[in-house]
């Protein structure tokens, strides 16, 4: 990765690290930054399959929701230890991705978009029917996930840095995957699948592995989202949320995870700022995003690279 591409993400991580000590350490501001980092993780996971494999998914929020609902199921059973909750939530999301991806990846283009949308809506309606976990009304956690018996995640500052550490880890993982031979095969399969097959690679397997990894990271983001809000609802799995994640990737740029990182942070922070300016903020936010996509070729990352 070129140093110019790494400079912006590293600067963002540095700013997020000092934010609690620069006027954002109290009240809602720190909670907002944690929420932005959680969605940045989900967007980075989506960028692995969008930017790497060229698979535009409109059901990625289901991975986020499966991870969050894994926390709910374990919380209802009074299992709150992180060493159990986090791996099981990641496995649940990865398993969901493996099952649905094995079918969806056999398609491409608009067919892939529609089948991921269908799987996402299936997951949404399935969670809505779970009366034991609140159904449409959602489920309020008894407590946040414990770290070896301690309630450290209940502290805003600790939770902020936990989100930051996991965000950096996910960004580095996806960046490493895309820069490796695995990532090169993904991109080659996207550019010319016939040629990739001719040199001995099976695109389906690589795409499925990438889809499962993206699902696992999305499940981890779901764990953090459930702990951050201490509430989980079927709304986490809606196609609108999947659309938000996809737009974050497009807004930032599909060239790599650094684009998804910038797009997610910009999306969440601009959305929050506009909602305080006017109650009709969506009338401004929608056209603004459309103009950004229309005029900012390559997203925010592409704009910065040209600048």
Protein backbone atom coordinates (compact mmCIF):
# COMPACT_ATOMS: atom_id res chain seq x y z
CA UNK A 1 0.00 0.00 0.00
CA UNK A 2 1.37 3.45 -0.94
CA UNK A 3 2.20 5.74 1.95
CA UNK A 4 -0.15 8.39 0.57
CA UNK A 5 -3.05 5.95 0.79
CA UNK A 6 -2.10 4.94 4.33
CA UNK A 7 -1.55 8.48 5.56
CA UNK A 8 -5.23 9.45 5.69
CA UNK A 9 -6.47 6.34 7.57
CA UNK A 10 -3.61 6.63 10.05
CA UNK A 11 -4.42 10.30 10.57
CA UNK A 12 -8.09 9.38 11.16
CA UNK A 13 -7.10 6.76 13.72
CA UNK A 14 -4.88 9.30 15.47
CA UNK A 15 -7.71 11.85 15.59
CA UNK A 16 -10.11 9.24 16.97
CA UNK A 17 -7.54 8.35 19.62
CA UNK A 18 -7.13 11.91 20.86
CA UNK A 19 -10.81 12.88 20.47
CA UNK A 20 -11.77 11.92 24.07
CA UNK A 21 -9.11 14.32 25.35
CA UNK A 22 -9.95 17.13 22.93
CA UNK A 23 -13.47 18.02 23.94
CA UNK A 24 -15.29 14.83 22.92
CA UNK A 25 -14.88 12.92 26.15
CA UNK A 26 -18.26 13.65 27.68
CA UNK A 27 -21.87 12.93 26.87
CA UNK A 28 -23.24 12.06 23.49
CA UNK A 29 -20.18 13.05 21.45
CA UNK A 30 -18.16 10.03 22.52
CA UNK A 31 -21.14 7.73 21.96
CA UNK A 32 -21.54 9.16 18.45
CA UNK A 33 -17.89 8.51 17.62
CA UNK A 34 -18.21 4.92 18.85
CA UNK A 35 -21.28 4.44 16.67
CA UNK A 36 -19.43 5.88 13.68
CA UNK A 37 -16.52 3.49 14.23
CA UNK A 38 -18.86 0.50 14.49
CA UNK A 39 -20.50 1.30 11.18
CA UNK A 40 -17.07 1.96 9.70
CA UNK A 41 -16.16 -1.64 10.59
CA UNK A 42 -19.29 -2.91 8.85
CA UNK A 43 -18.56 -0.73 5.81
CA UNK A 44 -14.95 -1.97 5.66
CA UNK A 45 -16.19 -5.56 5.67
CA UNK A 46 -18.55 -4.74 2.82
CA UNK A 47 -15.73 -3.07 0.88
CA UNK A 48 -13.91 -6.42 0.80
CA UNK A 49 -16.55 -7.93 -1.46
CA UNK A 50 -17.58 -4.74 -3.29
CA UNK A 51 -14.14 -3.37 -4.08
CA UNK A 52 -12.30 -6.68 -4.15
CA UNK A 53 -14.72 -9.12 -5.74
CA UNK A 54 -17.14 -6.71 -7.41
CA UNK A 55 -20.09 -8.21 -5.50
CA UNK A 56 -22.58 -5.47 -4.66
CA UNK A 57 -24.60 -6.76 -1.72
CA UNK A 58 -27.85 -5.22 -0.57
CA UNK A 59 -28.21 -7.57 2.39
CA UNK A 60 -25.03 -6.93 4.35
CA UNK A 61 -26.92 -5.52 7.32
CA UNK A 62 -28.09 -9.08 7.96
CA UNK A 63 -24.51 -9.94 9.04
CA UNK A 64 -24.58 -7.01 11.43
CA UNK A 65 -27.96 -8.12 12.75
CA UNK A 66 -26.99 -11.77 13.16
CA UNK A 67 -24.01 -10.74 15.28
CA UNK A 68 -26.20 -8.46 17.38
CA UNK A 69 -28.89 -11.10 17.85
CA UNK A 70 -26.26 -13.65 18.88
CA UNK A 71 -25.54 -11.29 21.78
CA UNK A 72 -29.29 -11.18 22.51
CA UNK A 73 -29.66 -14.97 22.58
CA UNK A 74 -26.68 -15.37 24.90
CA UNK A 75 -27.78 -12.45 27.08
CA UNK A 76 -31.21 -14.04 27.47
CA UNK A 77 -29.42 -17.21 28.62
CA UNK A 78 -27.37 -15.05 31.04
CA UNK A 79 -24.13 -15.68 29.13
CA UNK A 80 -22.28 -12.38 28.96
CA UNK A 81 -18.57 -13.23 29.01
CA UNK A 82 -16.76 -11.76 26.00
CA UNK A 83 -14.62 -14.87 25.46
CA UNK A 84 -17.86 -16.75 24.72
CA UNK A 85 -20.07 -14.05 23.23
CA UNK A 86 -17.67 -12.60 20.66
CA UNK A 87 -16.50 -15.88 19.03
CA UNK A 88 -20.04 -17.30 18.92
CA UNK A 89 -21.43 -14.10 17.38
CA UNK A 90 -18.67 -14.07 14.76
CA UNK A 91 -19.28 -17.75 13.99
CA UNK A 92 -23.02 -17.16 13.70
CA UNK A 93 -22.54 -14.31 11.22
CA UNK A 94 -19.88 -16.23 9.29
CA UNK A 95 -22.16 -19.29 9.17
CA UNK A 96 -25.05 -17.22 7.86
CA UNK A 97 -22.72 -15.72 5.25
CA UNK A 98 -21.46 -19.18 4.24
CA UNK A 99 -24.95 -20.61 3.79
CA UNK A 100 -26.41 -17.66 1.92
CA UNK A 101 -23.20 -16.92 0.03
CA UNK A 102 -22.94 -20.47 -1.29
CA UNK A 103 -26.16 -19.76 -3.19
CA UNK A 104 -25.85 -16.05 -3.91
CA UNK A 105 -22.32 -16.13 -5.33
CA UNK A 106 -23.45 -18.47 -8.09
CA UNK A 107 -25.13 -15.38 -9.54
CA UNK A 108 -23.73 -11.99 -10.49
CA UNK A 109 -24.73 -8.42 -11.25
CA UNK A 110 -28.29 -7.41 -10.49
CA UNK A 111 -29.20 -11.03 -9.72
CA UNK A 112 -26.66 -11.05 -6.89
CA UNK A 113 -28.04 -7.76 -5.57
CA UNK A 114 -31.59 -9.11 -5.54
CA UNK A 115 -30.76 -12.46 -3.96
CA UNK A 116 -28.76 -10.82 -1.15
CA UNK A 117 -31.67 -8.43 -0.66
CA UNK A 118 -34.00 -11.44 -0.39
CA UNK A 119 -31.77 -13.20 2.17
CA UNK A 120 -31.50 -10.00 4.17
CA UNK A 121 -35.26 -9.57 4.27
CA UNK A 122 -35.68 -13.21 5.26
CA UNK A 123 -33.39 -12.59 8.23
CA UNK A 124 -35.31 -9.40 9.05
CA UNK A 125 -38.69 -11.14 9.13
CA UNK A 126 -37.22 -14.08 11.04
CA UNK A 127 -35.99 -11.82 13.85
CA UNK A 128 -39.28 -9.90 13.82
CA UNK A 129 -41.09 -13.15 14.61
CA UNK A 130 -38.93 -14.01 17.62
CA UNK A 131 -41.42 -13.06 20.34
CA UNK A 132 -39.14 -14.43 23.06
CA UNK A 133 -36.60 -11.75 22.12
CA UNK A 134 -39.07 -8.89 21.81
CA UNK A 135 -40.22 -9.37 18.23
CA UNK A 136 -40.78 -6.04 16.48
CA UNK A 137 -40.29 -4.15 19.75
CA UNK A 138 -36.70 -5.29 20.11
CA UNK A 139 -34.76 -6.55 23.11
CA UNK A 140 -33.02 -4.59 25.86
CA UNK A 141 -29.83 -6.21 27.15
CA UNK A 142 -29.58 -6.94 30.86
CA UNK A 143 -25.99 -5.71 30.79
CA UNK A 144 -23.10 -5.17 28.43
CA UNK A 145 -20.71 -8.00 27.62
CA UNK A 146 -18.29 -8.65 30.47
CA UNK A 147 -14.51 -8.89 30.10
CA UNK A 148 -13.37 -11.70 32.40
CA UNK A 149 -15.95 -10.76 34.98
CA UNK A 150 -15.41 -7.01 34.80
CA UNK A 151 -17.84 -4.41 33.42
CA UNK A 152 -15.17 -2.42 31.64
CA UNK A 153 -17.25 -2.04 28.47
CA UNK A 154 -19.81 -0.02 30.42
CA UNK A 155 -17.31 2.84 30.60
CA UNK A 156 -17.63 5.17 27.60
CA UNK A 157 -13.91 5.82 27.35
CA UNK A 158 -12.95 2.15 27.48
CA UNK A 159 -15.66 1.26 24.96
CA UNK A 160 -14.42 4.02 22.65
CA UNK A 161 -10.89 2.64 22.61
CA UNK A 162 -12.16 -0.95 22.29
CA UNK A 163 -14.06 0.11 19.14
CA UNK A 164 -11.00 1.96 17.86
CA UNK A 165 -8.69 -1.01 18.42
CA UNK A 166 -11.05 -3.41 16.63
CA UNK A 167 -11.59 -0.89 13.82
CA UNK A 168 -7.84 -0.67 13.22
CA UNK A 169 -7.58 -4.46 13.33
CA UNK A 170 -10.38 -4.91 10.78
CA UNK A 171 -8.97 -2.21 8.50
CA UNK A 172 -5.51 -3.79 8.61
CA UNK A 173 -6.94 -7.27 7.96
CA UNK A 174 -8.97 -6.23 4.92
CA UNK A 175 -6.09 -4.14 3.58
CA UNK A 176 -3.74 -7.10 3.96
CA UNK A 177 -6.19 -9.44 2.25
CA UNK A 178 -6.68 -7.12 -0.72
CA UNK A 179 -2.92 -6.61 -1.06
CA UNK A 180 -2.19 -10.34 -0.92
CA UNK A 181 -2.35 -12.98 -3.63
CA UNK A 182 -5.88 -13.71 -2.42
CA UNK A 183 -6.94 -10.14 -3.14
CA UNK A 184 -5.26 -10.13 -6.53
CA UNK A 185 -7.19 -13.24 -7.51
CA UNK A 186 -10.43 -11.58 -6.37
CA UNK A 187 -9.75 -8.50 -8.50
CA UNK A 188 -8.64 -10.60 -11.45
CA UNK A 189 -11.85 -12.63 -11.26
CA UNK A 190 -13.86 -9.43 -11.20
CA UNK A 191 -12.05 -7.95 -14.21
CA UNK A 192 -11.97 -11.11 -16.34
CA UNK A 193 -13.41 -14.30 -14.87
CA UNK A 194 -12.65 -16.36 -17.96
CA UNK A 195 -8.98 -15.45 -17.88
CA UNK A 196 -8.80 -16.22 -14.14
CA UNK A 197 -10.20 -19.68 -14.80
CA UNK A 198 -7.77 -20.18 -17.66
CA UNK A 199 -4.74 -19.70 -15.39
CA UNK A 200 -6.06 -22.22 -12.87
CA UNK A 201 -8.08 -20.23 -10.30
CA UNK A 202 -11.63 -21.01 -9.27
CA UNK A 203 -13.32 -17.61 -8.67
CA UNK A 204 -16.29 -19.11 -6.80
CA UNK A 205 -14.14 -20.38 -3.94
CA UNK A 206 -12.27 -17.12 -3.51
CA UNK A 207 -15.47 -15.09 -3.60
CA UNK A 208 -17.14 -17.35 -1.06
CA UNK A 209 -14.20 -17.08 1.34
CA UNK A 210 -14.24 -13.29 0.96
CA UNK A 211 -17.99 -13.25 1.57
CA UNK A 212 -17.61 -15.32 4.75
CA UNK A 213 -14.79 -13.09 6.05
CA UNK A 214 -16.93 -10.02 5.36
CA UNK A 215 -19.80 -11.65 7.25
CA UNK A 216 -17.55 -12.45 10.22
CA UNK A 217 -16.35 -8.84 10.46
CA UNK A 218 -19.95 -7.67 10.14
CA UNK A 219 -20.87 -9.98 13.02
CA UNK A 220 -18.13 -8.44 15.17
CA UNK A 221 -19.53 -4.99 14.38
CA UNK A 222 -22.96 -6.30 15.42
CA UNK A 223 -21.56 -7.31 18.82
CA UNK A 224 -20.24 -3.80 19.37
CA UNK A 225 -23.47 -2.21 18.14
CA UNK A 226 -25.54 -4.30 20.55
CA UNK A 227 -23.26 -3.31 23.43
CA UNK A 228 -23.14 0.33 22.39
CA UNK A 229 -26.90 0.76 22.35
CA UNK A 230 -27.72 -2.01 24.88
CA UNK A 231 -30.72 -2.65 22.65
CA UNK A 232 -31.25 -4.80 19.56
CA UNK A 233 -34.18 -4.63 17.15
CA UNK A 234 -35.06 -6.13 13.74
CA UNK A 235 -34.50 -2.66 12.27
CA UNK A 236 -30.78 -3.48 12.34
CA UNK A 237 -31.35 -5.94 9.50
CA UNK A 238 -33.50 -3.87 7.13
CA UNK A 239 -32.57 -3.29 3.51
CA UNK A 240 -32.41 0.43 4.28
CA UNK A 241 -29.53 -0.24 6.68
CA UNK A 242 -27.84 -2.35 4.00
CA UNK A 243 -28.32 0.57 1.62
CA UNK A 244 -26.66 2.89 4.13
CA UNK A 245 -23.64 0.58 4.37
CA UNK A 246 -23.38 0.32 0.60
CA UNK A 247 -23.63 4.07 0.25
CA UNK A 248 -20.85 4.52 2.83
CA UNK A 249 -18.58 2.37 0.66
CA UNK A 250 -19.50 4.24 -2.52
CA UNK A 251 -19.19 7.65 -0.86
CA UNK A 252 -15.71 6.90 0.45
CA UNK A 253 -14.54 5.03 -2.64
CA UNK A 254 -14.40 1.35 -3.51
CA UNK A 255 -10.65 1.24 -4.11
CA UNK A 256 -9.90 -0.09 -0.62
CA UNK A 257 -10.93 -0.17 3.04
CA UNK A 258 -9.62 3.35 3.58
CA UNK A 259 -12.43 4.60 1.34
CA UNK A 260 -15.06 2.72 3.35
CA UNK A 261 -13.55 4.11 6.55
CA UNK A 262 -13.80 7.70 5.35
CA UNK A 263 -17.22 7.19 3.81
CA UNK A 264 -18.71 5.70 6.97
CA UNK A 265 -17.37 8.43 9.25
CA UNK A 266 -18.49 11.16 6.84
CA UNK A 267 -21.94 9.60 6.44
CA UNK A 268 -22.63 9.27 10.18
CA UNK A 269 -21.22 12.67 11.17
CA UNK A 270 -22.92 14.63 8.36
CA UNK A 271 -26.19 12.86 9.07
CA UNK A 272 -25.93 13.80 12.76
CA UNK A 273 -24.98 17.42 12.01
CA UNK A 274 -27.83 17.97 9.57
CA UNK A 275 -30.37 16.43 11.99
CA UNK A 276 -29.47 19.19 14.46
CA UNK A 277 -29.76 21.91 11.82
CA UNK A 278 -33.31 21.14 10.66
CA UNK A 279 -36.00 18.56 11.20
CA UNK A 280 -36.23 18.20 7.42
CA UNK A 281 -32.58 17.19 7.18
CA UNK A 282 -33.32 14.24 4.88
CA UNK A 283 -34.38 16.66 2.13
CA UNK A 284 -30.83 18.04 2.26
CA UNK A 285 -28.94 14.85 3.04
CA UNK A 286 -30.29 12.81 0.12
CA UNK A 287 -29.47 15.29 -2.68
CA UNK A 288 -26.12 16.05 -1.02
CA UNK A 289 -25.11 12.38 -1.16
CA UNK A 290 -26.25 12.11 -4.77
CA UNK A 291 -24.17 15.15 -5.73
CA UNK A 292 -21.14 13.71 -3.91
CA UNK A 293 -21.38 10.47 -5.85
CA UNK A 294 -22.05 12.26 -9.14
CA UNK A 295 -19.19 14.76 -8.94
CA UNK A 296 -16.63 13.01 -6.71
CA UNK A 297 -15.23 10.34 -9.00
CA UNK A 298 -13.74 7.59 -6.89
CA UNK A 299 -15.41 8.94 -3.76
CA UNK A 300 -13.66 10.81 -0.99
CA UNK A 301 -10.53 8.65 -1.36
CA UNK A 302 -10.33 9.43 -5.07
CA UNK A 303 -10.79 13.14 -4.40
CA UNK A 304 -7.97 13.18 -1.86
CA UNK A 305 -5.69 11.19 -4.16
CA UNK A 306 -6.21 13.65 -7.00
CA UNK A 307 -5.83 16.56 -4.62
